[in-house]
Each structure stands twice: as structure tokens, then as C-alpha cells.
Amino acid sequence: MATVVRYYGGVNLGAGGLMRTYTDCIAQALLGAEKIPILRLVTLRCTMPYALEGMARRELQAAGGTLSQVQHAAQVGMTFTLPEPAAVPLVAKLNEAGHGHIHWISVDDAALMSMPTSN
């Protein structure tokens, strides 16, 4: 979406002139604008023994994820968000490194529902 503000300076441009002016103004602004890709994020939740928490945090950071919640009880509960393309490889890496001790509680994306929910 773009917005153009034009202050009337006493010159009537007509409909065609206004359209060309507004289009050129937006095109010039877009040329200099920084393009930031929109990435779909997924939220994952898991539990694990305390001994795996440090490894999980390192792997999450390496995958570009954001830790949103940690609960320390009998086991460590983690909730985190990361870009969708990184989710499946991260889950696979954590499952392998965790030797079956990481249990996945939920995922918020149907495409990831094929992931193992526990190992």
C-alpha cells in the first residue's frame, strides 16, 4: 500500500497528469525502499530434561528462532517461534540430539503436523 500527499500549487494536472504524477512518486519511493521478505512463523512447544536445555537453546538460536517462554518444573518446557522453513530441520536435529528425550507438545501449523510428536 502506498500513500501520496499532494499539496495543490495552483496547477491543474487533470486526471491523466495526476495518475502519472502519483505513479512516478510511488515508483521513485519503491526504488529506494529496503525490501524485507515476509516469512511465515510457526510456534513449537516441547519438554525435555534439564541436561538438554543448553543444547536446545543453541540449536534454536542457530536456526533463527526466538524463545518466547521457558518453564522449569520436573522438566524444562520451551515455547519458541521460528521461520517455517527452519522448523522441520530444527525438530529433526533436536530429536536426534535428544535421543528420544524431547517430547513435542504442539505445533501450530498443519504442514508440520506430520512431524513426530514425541520420540
PDB file of N, CA and C in Angstrom:
ATOM      1  N   MET A   1       0.851  -1.148   0.000  1.00  0.00           N
ATOM      2  CA  MET A   1       0.000   0.000   0.000  1.00  0.00           C
ATOM      3  C   MET A   1       0.907   1.225   0.000  1.00  0.00           C
ATOM      4  N   ALA A   2       0.496   2.233  -0.691  1.00  0.00           N
ATOM      5  CA  ALA A   2       1.257   3.471  -0.745  1.00  0.00           C
ATOM      6  C   ALA A   2       0.303   4.651  -0.645  1.00  0.00           C
ATOM      7  N   THR A   3       0.792   5.726  -0.080  1.00  0.00           N
ATOM      8  CA  THR A   3       0.013   6.952   0.040  1.00  0.00           C
ATOM      9  C   THR A   3       0.826   8.100  -0.522  1.00  0.00           C
ATOM     10  N   VAL A   4       0.186   8.909  -1.313  1.00  0.00           N
ATOM     11  CA  VAL A   4       0.826  10.099  -1.865  1.00  0.00           C
ATOM     12  C   VAL A   4       0.033  11.302  -1.391  1.00  0.00           C
ATOM     13  N   VAL A   5       0.748  12.295  -0.888  1.00  0.00           N
ATOM     14  CA  VAL A   5       0.106  13.542  -0.471  1.00  0.00           C
ATOM     15  C   VAL A   5       0.584  14.623  -1.426  1.00  0.00           C
ATOM     16  N   ARG A   6      -0.356  15.298  -2.026  1.00  0.00           N
ATOM     17  CA  ARG A   6      -0.022  16.372  -2.966  1.00  0.00           C
ATOM     18  C   ARG A   6      -0.707  17.637  -2.492  1.00  0.00           C
ATOM     19  N   TYR A   7       0.084  18.674  -2.337  1.00  0.00           N
ATOM     20  CA  TYR A   7      -0.469  19.963  -1.978  1.00  0.00           C
ATOM     21  C   TYR A   7      -0.723  20.736  -3.265  1.00  0.00           C
ATOM     22  N   TYR A   8      -1.905  21.247  -3.405  1.00  0.00           N
ATOM     23  CA  TYR A   8      -2.288  21.965  -4.619  1.00  0.00           C
ATOM     24  C   TYR A   8      -1.465  23.251  -4.722  1.00  0.00           C
ATOM     25  N   GLY A   9      -0.793  23.393  -5.855  1.00  0.00           N
ATOM     26  CA  GLY A   9       0.055  24.566  -6.063  1.00  0.00           C
ATOM     27  C   GLY A   9      -0.467  25.491  -7.139  1.00  0.00           C
ATOM     28  N   GLY A  10      -1.743  25.346  -7.481  1.00  0.00           N
ATOM     29  CA  GLY A  10      -2.337  26.228  -8.471  1.00  0.00           C
ATOM     30  C   GLY A  10      -2.286  25.684  -9.885  1.00  0.00           C
ATOM     31  N   VAL A  11      -1.746  24.486 -10.076  1.00  0.00           N
ATOM     32  CA  VAL A  11      -1.657  23.896 -11.411  1.00  0.00           C
ATOM     33  C   VAL A  11      -2.604  22.708 -11.481  1.00  0.00           C
ATOM     34  N   ASN A  12      -3.529  22.778 -12.448  1.00  0.00           N
ATOM     35  CA  ASN A  12      -4.435  21.655 -12.665  1.00  0.00           C
ATOM     36  C   ASN A  12      -3.754  20.638 -13.581  1.00  0.00           C
ATOM     37  N   LEU A  13      -3.560  19.422 -13.074  1.00  0.00           N
ATOM     38  CA  LEU A  13      -2.879  18.387 -13.843  1.00  0.00           C
ATOM     39  C   LEU A  13      -3.849  17.524 -14.647  1.00  0.00           C
ATOM     40  N   GLY A  14      -5.092  17.531 -14.262  1.00  0.00           N
ATOM     41  CA  GLY A  14      -6.059  16.663 -14.927  1.00  0.00           C
ATOM     42  C   GLY A  14      -5.914  15.233 -14.414  1.00  0.00           C
ATOM     43  N   ALA A  15      -6.874  14.379 -14.755  1.00  0.00           N
ATOM     44  CA  ALA A  15      -6.879  13.001 -14.264  1.00  0.00           C
ATOM     45  C   ALA A  15      -5.632  12.241 -14.716  1.00  0.00           C
ATOM     46  N   GLY A  16      -5.271  12.341 -15.993  1.00  0.00           N
ATOM     47  CA  GLY A  16      -4.089  11.643 -16.511  1.00  0.00           C
ATOM     48  C   GLY A  16      -2.807  12.140 -15.885  1.00  0.00           C
ATOM     49  N   GLY A  17      -2.693  13.428 -15.710  1.00  0.00           N
ATOM     50  CA  GLY A  17      -1.498  14.019 -15.111  1.00  0.00           C
ATOM     51  C   GLY A  17      -1.344  13.617 -13.650  1.00  0.00           C
ATOM     52  N   LEU A  18      -2.470  13.595 -12.930  1.00  0.00           N
ATOM     53  CA  LEU A  18      -2.422  13.156 -11.539  1.00  0.00           C
ATOM     54  C   LEU A  18      -1.976  11.705 -11.437  1.00  0.00           C
ATOM     55  N   MET A  19      -2.527  10.872 -12.329  1.00  0.00           N
ATOM     56  CA  MET A  19      -2.188   9.447 -12.304  1.00  0.00           C
ATOM     57  C   MET A  19      -0.703   9.243 -12.602  1.00  0.00           C
ATOM     58  N   ARG A  20      -0.171   9.923 -13.579  1.00  0.00           N
ATOM     59  CA  ARG A  20       1.261   9.811 -13.901  1.00  0.00           C
ATOM     60  C   ARG A  20       2.116  10.318 -12.746  1.00  0.00           C
ATOM     61  N   THR A  21       1.727  11.429 -12.151  1.00  0.00           N
ATOM     62  CA  THR A  21       2.488  12.006 -11.040  1.00  0.00           C
ATOM     63  C   THR A  21       2.496  11.072  -9.844  1.00  0.00           C
ATOM     64  N   TYR A  22       1.335  10.540  -9.491  1.00  0.00           N
ATOM     65  CA  TYR A  22       1.248   9.644  -8.339  1.00  0.00           C
ATOM     66  C   TYR A  22       2.024   8.349  -8.604  1.00  0.00           C
ATOM     67  N   THR A  23       1.902   7.814  -9.808  1.00  0.00           N
ATOM     68  CA  THR A  23       2.610   6.585 -10.154  1.00  0.00           C
ATOM     69  C   THR A  23       4.111   6.797 -10.099  1.00  0.00           C
ATOM     70  N   ASP A  24       4.585   7.893 -10.639  1.00  0.00           N
ATOM     71  CA  ASP A  24       6.020   8.188 -10.622  1.00  0.00           C
ATOM     72  C   ASP A  24       6.516   8.382  -9.191  1.00  0.00           C
ATOM     73  N   CYS A  25       5.732   9.053  -8.387  1.00  0.00           N
ATOM     74  CA  CYS A  25       6.107   9.294  -6.987  1.00  0.00           C
ATOM     75  C   CYS A  25       6.271   7.970  -6.240  1.00  0.00           C
ATOM     76  N   ILE A  26       5.330   7.063  -6.423  1.00  0.00           N
ATOM     77  CA  ILE A  26       5.396   5.761  -5.746  1.00  0.00           C
ATOM     78  C   ILE A  26       6.559   4.937  -6.285  1.00  0.00           C
ATOM     79  N   ALA A  27       6.762   4.961  -7.599  1.00  0.00           N
ATOM     80  CA  ALA A  27       7.862   4.201  -8.202  1.00  0.00           C
ATOM     81  C   ALA A  27       9.202   4.682  -7.663  1.00  0.00           C
ATOM     82  N   GLN A  28       9.390   5.984  -7.541  1.00  0.00           N
ATOM     83  CA  GLN A  28      10.640   6.529  -7.017  1.00  0.00           C
ATOM     84  C   GLN A  28      10.845   6.118  -5.551  1.00  0.00           C
ATOM     85  N   ALA A  29       9.783   6.134  -4.781  1.00  0.00           N
ATOM     86  CA  ALA A  29       9.885   5.733  -3.372  1.00  0.00           C
ATOM     87  C   ALA A  29      10.254   4.255  -3.254  1.00  0.00           C
ATOM     88  N   LEU A  30       9.681   3.408  -4.100  1.00  0.00           N
ATOM     89  CA  LEU A  30       9.958   1.977  -4.041  1.00  0.00           C
ATOM     90  C   LEU A  30      11.374   1.641  -4.482  1.00  0.00           C
ATOM     91  N   LEU A  31      11.939   2.444  -5.377  1.00  0.00           N
ATOM     92  CA  LEU A  31      13.315   2.194  -5.810  1.00  0.00           C
ATOM     93  C   LEU A  31      14.301   2.296  -4.655  1.00  0.00           C
ATOM     94  N   GLY A  32      14.063   3.214  -3.771  1.00  0.00           N
ATOM     95  CA  GLY A  32      14.971   3.414  -2.647  1.00  0.00           C
ATOM     96  C   GLY A  32      14.578   2.676  -1.388  1.00  0.00           C
ATOM     97  N   ALA A  33      13.454   1.999  -1.401  1.00  0.00           N
ATOM     98  CA  ALA A  33      12.966   1.324  -0.199  1.00  0.00           C
ATOM     99  C   ALA A  33      13.710   0.010   0.035  1.00  0.00           C
ATOM    100  N   GLU A  34      13.925  -0.313   1.298  1.00  0.00           N
ATOM    101  CA  GLU A  34      14.524  -1.590   1.654  1.00  0.00           C
ATOM    102  C   GLU A  34      13.448  -2.671   1.572  1.00  0.00           C
ATOM    103  N   LYS A  35      13.759  -3.744   0.850  1.00  0.00           N
ATOM    104  CA  LYS A  35      12.815  -4.844   0.702  1.00  0.00           C
ATOM    105  C   LYS A  35      13.076  -5.868   1.803  1.00  0.00           C
ATOM    106  N   ILE A  36      12.055  -6.180   2.572  1.00  0.00           N
ATOM    107  CA  ILE A  36      12.170  -7.147   3.656  1.00  0.00           C
ATOM    108  C   ILE A  36      11.195  -8.289   3.369  1.00  0.00           C
ATOM    109  N   PRO A  37      11.700  -9.501   3.229  1.00  0.00           N
ATOM    110  CA  PRO A  37      10.795 -10.616   2.932  1.00  0.00           C
ATOM    111  C   PRO A  37       9.877 -10.905   4.119  1.00  0.00           C
ATOM    112  N   ILE A  38       8.670 -11.320   3.805  1.00  0.00           N
ATOM    113  CA  ILE A  38       7.707 -11.706   4.835  1.00  0.00           C
ATOM    114  C   ILE A  38       7.826 -13.210   5.009  1.00  0.00           C
ATOM    115  N   LEU A  39       8.197 -13.634   6.201  1.00  0.00           N
ATOM    116  CA  LEU A  39       8.360 -15.046   6.492  1.00  0.00           C
ATOM    117  C   LEU A  39       7.230 -15.521   7.390  1.00  0.00           C
ATOM    118  N   ARG A  40       6.699 -16.661   7.061  1.00  0.00           N
ATOM    119  CA  ARG A  40       5.671 -17.260   7.908  1.00  0.00           C
ATOM    120  C   ARG A  40       6.374 -17.896   9.101  1.00  0.00           C
ATOM    121  N   LEU A  41       5.881 -17.622  10.293  1.00  0.00           N
ATOM    122  CA  LEU A  41       6.464 -18.154  11.505  1.00  0.00           C
ATOM    123  C   LEU A  41       5.583 -19.255  12.074  1.00  0.00           C
ATOM    124  N   VAL A  42       6.205 -20.212  12.740  1.00  0.00           N
ATOM    125  CA  VAL A  42       5.467 -21.266  13.431  1.00  0.00           C
ATOM    126  C   VAL A  42       5.901 -21.272  14.891  1.00  0.00           C
ATOM    127  N   THR A  43       5.008 -21.689  15.755  1.00  0.00           N
ATOM    128  CA  THR A  43       5.295 -21.792  17.173  1.00  0.00           C
ATOM    129  C   THR A  43       5.325 -23.265  17.556  1.00  0.00           C
ATOM    130  N   LEU A  44       6.377 -23.657  18.232  1.00  0.00           N
ATOM    131  CA  LEU A  44       6.543 -25.040  18.664  1.00  0.00           C
ATOM    132  C   LEU A  44       6.696 -25.068  20.182  1.00  0.00           C
ATOM    133  N   ARG A  45       6.210 -26.171  20.782  1.00  0.00           N
ATOM    134  CA  ARG A  45       6.345 -26.361  22.230  1.00  0.00           C
ATOM    135  C   ARG A  45       6.864 -27.760  22.485  1.00  0.00           C
ATOM    136  N   CYS A  46       7.778 -27.856  23.441  1.00  0.00           N
ATOM    137  CA  CYS A  46       8.329 -29.164  23.783  1.00  0.00           C
ATOM    138  C   CYS A  46       8.749 -29.187  25.248  1.00  0.00           C
ATOM    139  N   THR A  47       8.978 -30.404  25.749  1.00  0.00           N
ATOM    140  CA  THR A  47       9.550 -30.588  27.078  1.00  0.00           C
ATOM    141  C   THR A  47      10.789 -31.451  26.927  1.00  0.00           C
ATOM    142  N   MET A  48      11.723 -31.260  27.873  1.00  0.00           N
ATOM    143  CA  MET A  48      12.985 -32.001  27.807  1.00  0.00           C
ATOM    144  C   MET A  48      13.630 -32.025  29.179  1.00  0.00           C
ATOM    145  N   PRO A  49      14.568 -32.947  29.398  1.00  0.00           N
ATOM    146  CA  PRO A  49      15.338 -32.935  30.640  1.00  0.00           C
ATOM    147  C   PRO A  49      16.222 -31.684  30.717  1.00  0.00           C
ATOM    148  N   TYR A  50      16.565 -31.304  31.928  1.00  0.00           N
ATOM    149  CA  TYR A  50      17.405 -30.122  32.135  1.00  0.00           C
ATOM    150  C   TYR A  50      18.733 -30.213  31.390  1.00  0.00           C
ATOM    151  N   ALA A  51      19.279 -31.406  31.267  1.00  0.00           N
ATOM    152  CA  ALA A  51      20.579 -31.581  30.624  1.00  0.00           C
ATOM    153  C   ALA A  51      20.560 -31.187  29.150  1.00  0.00           C
ATOM    154  N   LEU A  52      19.385 -31.152  28.524  1.00  0.00           N
ATOM    155  CA  LEU A  52      19.289 -30.820  27.102  1.00  0.00           C
ATOM    156  C   LEU A  52      18.956 -29.350  26.839  1.00  0.00           C
ATOM    157  N   GLU A  53      18.684 -28.590  27.893  1.00  0.00           N
ATOM    158  CA  GLU A  53      18.250 -27.206  27.705  1.00  0.00           C
ATOM    159  C   GLU A  53      19.291 -26.354  26.982  1.00  0.00           C
ATOM    160  N   GLY A  54      20.536 -26.427  27.376  1.00  0.00           N
ATOM    161  CA  GLY A  54      21.585 -25.614  26.743  1.00  0.00           C
ATOM    162  C   GLY A  54      21.738 -25.935  25.267  1.00  0.00           C
ATOM    163  N   MET A  55      21.734 -27.220  24.941  1.00  0.00           N
ATOM    164  CA  MET A  55      21.842 -27.638  23.543  1.00  0.00           C
ATOM    165  C   MET A  55      20.650 -27.131  22.738  1.00  0.00           C
ATOM    166  N   ALA A  56      19.459 -27.252  23.304  1.00  0.00           N
ATOM    167  CA  ALA A  56      18.251 -26.804  22.598  1.00  0.00           C
ATOM    168  C   ALA A  56      18.286 -25.299  22.360  1.00  0.00           C
ATOM    169  N   ARG A  57      18.742 -24.544  23.330  1.00  0.00           N
ATOM    170  CA  ARG A  57      18.839 -23.088  23.164  1.00  0.00           C
ATOM    171  C   ARG A  57      19.835 -22.722  22.057  1.00  0.00           C
ATOM    172  N   ARG A  58      20.968 -23.404  22.026  1.00  0.00           N
ATOM    173  CA  ARG A  58      21.969 -23.128  20.989  1.00  0.00           C
ATOM    174  C   ARG A  58      21.427 -23.464  19.600  1.00  0.00           C
ATOM    175  N   GLU A  59      20.779 -24.608  19.473  1.00  0.00           N
ATOM    176  CA  GLU A  59      20.228 -25.010  18.178  1.00  0.00           C
ATOM    177  C   GLU A  59      19.116 -24.057  17.732  1.00  0.00           C
ATOM    178  N   LEU A  60      18.299 -23.622  18.678  1.00  0.00           N
ATOM    179  CA  LEU A  60      17.228 -22.678  18.361  1.00  0.00           C
ATOM    180  C   LEU A  60      17.805 -21.361  17.862  1.00  0.00           C
ATOM    181  N   GLN A  61      18.825 -20.863  18.530  1.00  0.00           N
ATOM    182  CA  GLN A  61      19.453 -19.615  18.104  1.00  0.00           C
ATOM    183  C   GLN A  61      20.080 -19.773  16.724  1.00  0.00           C
ATOM    184  N   ALA A  62      20.742 -20.893  16.471  1.00  0.00           N
ATOM    185  CA  ALA A  62      21.372 -21.138  15.169  1.00  0.00           C
ATOM    186  C   ALA A  62      20.333 -21.223  14.054  1.00  0.00           C
ATOM    187  N   ALA A  63      19.122 -21.673  14.384  1.00  0.00           N
ATOM    188  CA  ALA A  63      18.058 -21.799  13.391  1.00  0.00           C
ATOM    189  C   ALA A  63      17.297 -20.496  13.175  1.00  0.00           C
ATOM    190  N   GLY A  64      17.643 -19.458  13.932  1.00  0.00           N
ATOM    191  CA  GLY A  64      16.967 -18.163  13.775  1.00  0.00           C
ATOM    192  C   GLY A  64      15.668 -18.074  14.542  1.00  0.00           C
ATOM    193  N   GLY A  65      15.513 -18.889  15.563  1.00  0.00           N
ATOM    194  CA  GLY A  65      14.286 -18.899  16.354  1.00  0.00           C
ATOM    195  C   GLY A  65      14.332 -17.935  17.516  1.00  0.00           C
ATOM    196  N   THR A  66      13.160 -17.707  18.095  1.00  0.00           N
ATOM    197  CA  THR A  66      13.024 -16.824  19.241  1.00  0.00           C
ATOM    198  C   THR A  66      12.343 -17.584  20.363  1.00  0.00           C
ATOM    199  N   LEU A  67      13.000 -17.661  21.482  1.00  0.00           N
ATOM    200  CA  LEU A  67      12.444 -18.336  22.649  1.00  0.00           C
ATOM    201  C   LEU A  67      11.439 -17.403  23.304  1.00  0.00           C
ATOM    202  N   SER A  68      10.187 -17.841  23.405  1.00  0.00           N
ATOM    203  CA  SER A  68       9.166 -16.957  23.963  1.00  0.00           C
ATOM    204  C   SER A  68       8.791 -17.314  25.393  1.00  0.00           C
ATOM    205  N   GLN A  69       8.990 -18.578  25.789  1.00  0.00           N
ATOM    206  CA  GLN A  69       8.619 -18.959  27.142  1.00  0.00           C
ATOM    207  C   GLN A  69       9.418 -20.187  27.565  1.00  0.00           C
ATOM    208  N   VAL A  70       9.869 -20.176  28.818  1.00  0.00           N
ATOM    209  CA  VAL A  70      10.560 -21.329  29.394  1.00  0.00           C
ATOM    210  C   VAL A  70       9.932 -21.597  30.752  1.00  0.00           C
ATOM    211  N   GLN A  71       9.606 -22.857  31.000  1.00  0.00           N
ATOM    212  CA  GLN A  71       9.059 -23.252  32.299  1.00  0.00           C
ATOM    213  C   GLN A  71       9.971 -24.314  32.884  1.00  0.00           C
ATOM    214  N   HIS A  72      10.389 -24.091  34.116  1.00  0.00           N
ATOM    215  CA  HIS A  72      11.238 -25.053  34.808  1.00  0.00           C
ATOM    216  C   HIS A  72      10.390 -25.757  35.860  1.00  0.00           C
ATOM    217  N   ALA A  73      10.177 -27.029  35.653  1.00  0.00           N
ATOM    218  CA  ALA A  73       9.430 -27.862  36.597  1.00  0.00           C
ATOM    219  C   ALA A  73      10.177 -29.192  36.669  1.00  0.00           C
ATOM    220  N   ALA A  74       9.466 -30.308  36.625  1.00  0.00           N
ATOM    221  CA  ALA A  74      10.122 -31.606  36.604  1.00  0.00           C
ATOM    222  C   ALA A  74      11.007 -31.719  35.369  1.00  0.00           C
ATOM    223  N   GLN A  75      10.555 -31.108  34.279  1.00  0.00           N
ATOM    224  CA  GLN A  75      11.347 -30.991  33.060  1.00  0.00           C
ATOM    225  C   GLN A  75      11.286 -29.547  32.599  1.00  0.00           C
ATOM    226  N   VAL A  76      12.090 -29.224  31.612  1.00  0.00           N
ATOM    227  CA  VAL A  76      12.095 -27.876  31.041  1.00  0.00           C
ATOM    228  C   VAL A  76      11.059 -27.844  29.925  1.00  0.00           C
ATOM    229  N   GLY A  77      10.155 -26.889  29.978  1.00  0.00           N
ATOM    230  CA  GLY A  77       9.181 -26.679  28.907  1.00  0.00           C
ATOM    231  C   GLY A  77       9.589 -25.442  28.122  1.00  0.00           C
ATOM    232  N   MET A  78       9.631 -25.564  26.814  1.00  0.00           N
ATOM    233  CA  MET A  78      10.028 -24.434  25.969  1.00  0.00           C
ATOM    234  C   MET A  78       8.961 -24.164  24.929  1.00  0.00           C
ATOM    235  N   THR A  79       8.688 -22.902  24.715  1.00  0.00           N
ATOM    236  CA  THR A  79       7.833 -22.458  23.620  1.00  0.00           C
ATOM    237  C   THR A  79       8.672 -21.489  22.805  1.00  0.00           C
ATOM    238  N   PHE A  80       8.726 -21.710  21.503  1.00  0.00           N
ATOM    239  CA  PHE A  80       9.543 -20.849  20.658  1.00  0.00           C
ATOM    240  C   PHE A  80       8.918 -20.688  19.286  1.00  0.00           C
ATOM    241  N   THR A  81       9.350 -19.630  18.627  1.00  0.00           N
ATOM    242  CA  THR A  81       8.862 -19.285  17.305  1.00  0.00           C
ATOM    243  C   THR A  81      10.052 -19.208  16.362  1.00  0.00           C
ATOM    244  N   LEU A  82       9.849 -19.710  15.130  1.00  0.00           N
ATOM    245  CA  LEU A  82      10.910 -19.633  14.138  1.00  0.00           C
ATOM    246  C   LEU A  82      10.312 -19.657  12.744  1.00  0.00           C
ATOM    247  N   PRO A  83      11.089 -19.242  11.740  1.00  0.00           N
ATOM    248  CA  PRO A  83      10.588 -19.259  10.363  1.00  0.00           C
ATOM    249  C   PRO A  83      10.206 -20.686   9.951  1.00  0.00           C
ATOM    250  N   GLU A  84       9.103 -20.795   9.236  1.00  0.00           N
ATOM    251  CA  GLU A  84       8.571 -22.101   8.849  1.00  0.00           C
ATOM    252  C   GLU A  84       9.596 -23.008   8.163  1.00  0.00           C
ATOM    253  N   PRO A  85      10.416 -22.502   7.218  1.00  0.00           N
ATOM    254  CA  PRO A  85      11.373 -23.404   6.563  1.00  0.00           C
ATOM    255  C   PRO A  85      12.398 -24.018   7.521  1.00  0.00           C
ATOM    256  N   ALA A  86      12.649 -23.374   8.649  1.00  0.00           N
ATOM    257  CA  ALA A  86      13.643 -23.869   9.595  1.00  0.00           C
ATOM    258  C   ALA A  86      13.058 -24.833  10.619  1.00  0.00           C
ATOM    259  N   ALA A  87      11.735 -24.941  10.691  1.00  0.00           N
ATOM    260  CA  ALA A  87      11.091 -25.723  11.751  1.00  0.00           C
ATOM    261  C   ALA A  87      11.369 -27.219  11.632  1.00  0.00           C
ATOM    262  N   VAL A  88      11.122 -27.797  10.485  1.00  0.00           N
ATOM    263  CA  VAL A  88      11.293 -29.246  10.334  1.00  0.00           C
ATOM    264  C   VAL A  88      12.751 -29.657  10.542  1.00  0.00           C
ATOM    265  N   PRO A  89      13.743 -28.956   9.943  1.00  0.00           N
ATOM    266  CA  PRO A  89      15.138 -29.333  10.215  1.00  0.00           C
ATOM    267  C   PRO A  89      15.522 -29.192  11.690  1.00  0.00           C
ATOM    268  N   LEU A  90      14.994 -28.157  12.370  1.00  0.00           N
ATOM    269  CA  LEU A  90      15.315 -27.984  13.785  1.00  0.00           C
ATOM    270  C   LEU A  90      14.734 -29.126  14.610  1.00  0.00           C
ATOM    271  N   VAL A  91      13.491 -29.484  14.354  1.00  0.00           N
ATOM    272  CA  VAL A  91      12.864 -30.583  15.092  1.00  0.00           C
ATOM    273  C   VAL A  91      13.651 -31.875  14.874  1.00  0.00           C
ATOM    274  N   ALA A  92      14.048 -32.130  13.644  1.00  0.00           N
ATOM    275  CA  ALA A  92      14.825 -33.341  13.354  1.00  0.00           C
ATOM    276  C   ALA A  92      16.157 -33.329  14.102  1.00  0.00           C
ATOM    277  N   LYS A  93      16.819 -32.173  14.110  1.00  0.00           N
ATOM    278  CA  LYS A  93      18.114 -32.060  14.779  1.00  0.00           C
ATOM    279  C   LYS A  93      17.957 -32.242  16.288  1.00  0.00           C
ATOM    280  N   LEU A  94      16.930 -31.618  16.871  1.00  0.00           N
ATOM    281  CA  LEU A  94      16.701 -31.764  18.305  1.00  0.00           C
ATOM    282  C   LEU A  94      16.323 -33.193  18.664  1.00  0.00           C
ATOM    283  N   ASN A  95      15.495 -33.830  17.841  1.00  0.00           N
ATOM    284  CA  ASN A  95      15.114 -35.218  18.108  1.00  0.00           C
ATOM    285  C   ASN A  95      16.332 -36.130  18.088  1.00  0.00           C
ATOM    286  N   GLU A  96      17.212 -35.897  17.117  1.00  0.00           N
ATOM    287  CA  GLU A  96      18.416 -36.725  17.014  1.00  0.00           C
ATOM    288  C   GLU A  96      19.350 -36.479  18.200  1.00  0.00           C
ATOM    289  N   ALA A  97      19.588 -35.231  18.523  1.00  0.00           N
ATOM    290  CA  ALA A  97      20.495 -34.893  19.620  1.00  0.00           C
ATOM    291  C   ALA A  97      19.907 -35.273  20.979  1.00  0.00           C
ATOM    292  N   GLY A  98      18.590 -35.245  21.083  1.00  0.00           N
ATOM    293  CA  GLY A  98      17.930 -35.544  22.349  1.00  0.00           C
ATOM    294  C   GLY A  98      17.731 -37.018  22.618  1.00  0.00           C
ATOM    295  N   HIS A  99      18.023 -37.870  21.645  1.00  0.00           N
ATOM    296  CA  HIS A  99      17.921 -39.326  21.804  1.00  0.00           C
ATOM    297  C   HIS A  99      16.577 -39.757  22.377  1.00  0.00           C
ATOM    298  N   GLY A 100      15.507 -39.146  21.903  1.00  0.00           N
ATOM    299  CA  GLY A 100      14.168 -39.556  22.319  1.00  0.00           C
ATOM    300  C   GLY A 100      13.681 -38.940  23.614  1.00  0.00           C
ATOM    301  N   HIS A 101      14.429 -38.006  24.167  1.00  0.00           N
ATOM    302  CA  HIS A 101      14.038 -37.399  25.444  1.00  0.00           C
ATOM    303  C   HIS A 101      13.325 -36.064  25.273  1.00  0.00           C
ATOM    304  N   ILE A 102      13.178 -35.597  24.053  1.00  0.00           N
ATOM    305  CA  ILE A 102      12.444 -34.357  23.798  1.00  0.00           C
ATOM    306  C   ILE A 102      11.049 -34.741  23.319  1.00  0.00           C
ATOM    307  N   HIS A 103      10.043 -34.214  23.994  1.00  0.00           N
ATOM    308  CA  HIS A 103       8.652 -34.531  23.665  1.00  0.00           C
ATOM    309  C   HIS A 103       7.965 -33.275  23.147  1.00  0.00           C
ATOM    310  N   TRP A 104       7.373 -33.387  21.975  1.00  0.00           N
ATOM    311  CA  TRP A 104       6.715 -32.246  21.328  1.00  0.00           C
ATOM    312  C   TRP A 104       5.272 -32.200  21.788  1.00  0.00           C
ATOM    313  N   ILE A 105       4.876 -31.055  22.318  1.00  0.00           N
ATOM    314  CA  ILE A 105       3.535 -30.891  22.867  1.00  0.00           C
ATOM    315  C   ILE A 105       2.554 -30.463  21.796  1.00  0.00           C
ATOM    316  N   SER A 106       2.923 -29.458  21.015  1.00  0.00           N
ATOM    317  CA  SER A 106       2.006 -28.986  19.980  1.00  0.00           C
ATOM    318  C   SER A 106       2.765 -28.196  18.938  1.00  0.00           C
ATOM    319  N   VAL A 107       2.153 -28.125  17.773  1.00  0.00           N
ATOM    320  CA  VAL A 107       2.646 -27.268  16.709  1.00  0.00           C
ATOM    321  C   VAL A 107       1.441 -26.522  16.178  1.00  0.00           C
ATOM    322  N   ASP A 108       1.653 -25.314  15.669  1.00  0.00           N
ATOM    323  CA  ASP A 108       0.508 -24.514  15.236  1.00  0.00           C
ATOM    324  C   ASP A 108       0.278 -24.532  13.737  1.00  0.00           C
ATOM    325  N   ASP A 109       0.987 -25.365  13.006  1.00  0.00           N
ATOM    326  CA  ASP A 109       0.855 -25.326  11.562  1.00  0.00           C
ATOM    327  C   ASP A 109       0.542 -26.723  11.030  1.00  0.00           C
ATOM    328  N   ALA A 110      -0.474 -26.833  10.220  1.00  0.00           N
ATOM    329  CA  ALA A 110      -0.907 -28.125   9.695  1.00  0.00           C
ATOM    330  C   ALA A 110       0.187 -28.792   8.867  1.00  0.00           C
ATOM    331  N   ALA A 111       1.005 -28.022   8.173  1.00  0.00           N
ATOM    332  CA  ALA A 111       2.072 -28.593   7.349  1.00  0.00           C
ATOM    333  C   ALA A 111       3.108 -29.304   8.206  1.00  0.00           C
ATOM    334  N   LEU A 112       3.230 -28.901   9.471  1.00  0.00           N
ATOM    335  CA  LEU A 112       4.207 -29.523  10.347  1.00  0.00           C
ATOM    336  C   LEU A 112       3.616 -30.656  11.173  1.00  0.00           C
ATOM    337  N   MET A 113       2.330 -30.905  11.022  1.00  0.00           N
ATOM    338  CA  MET A 113       1.689 -31.941  11.823  1.00  0.00           C
ATOM    339  C   MET A 113       2.216 -33.334  11.493  1.00  0.00           C
ATOM    340  N   SER A 114       2.902 -33.490  10.376  1.00  0.00           N
ATOM    341  CA  SER A 114       3.475 -34.783  10.034  1.00  0.00           C
ATOM    342  C   SER A 114       4.750 -35.064  10.815  1.00  0.00           C
ATOM    343  N   MET A 115       5.238 -34.054  11.557  1.00  0.00           N
ATOM    344  CA  MET A 115       6.432 -34.261  12.376  1.00  0.00           C
ATOM    345  C   MET A 115       6.094 -35.204  13.510  1.00  0.00           C
ATOM    346  N   PRO A 116       7.075 -35.938  13.987  1.00  0.00           N
ATOM    347  CA  PRO A 116       6.825 -36.790  15.147  1.00  0.00           C
ATOM    348  C   PRO A 116       6.469 -35.922  16.348  1.00  0.00           C
ATOM    349  N   THR A 117       5.439 -36.301  17.097  1.00  0.00           N
ATOM    350  CA  THR A 117       5.044 -35.528  18.279  1.00  0.00           C
ATOM    351  C   THR A 117       5.828 -35.945  19.493  1.00  0.00           C
ATOM    352  N   SER A 118       6.447 -37.089  19.450  1.00  0.00           N
ATOM    353  CA  SER A 118       7.370 -37.495  20.514  1.00  0.00           C
ATOM    354  C   SER A 118       8.332 -38.485  19.922  1.00  0.00           C
ATOM    355  N   ASN A 119       9.416 -38.664  20.584  1.00  0.00           N
ATOM    356  CA  ASN A 119      10.460 -39.541  20.050  1.00  0.00           C
ATOM    357  C   ASN A 119      10.768 -40.640  21.001  1.00  0.00           C
TER     358      ASN A 119
END
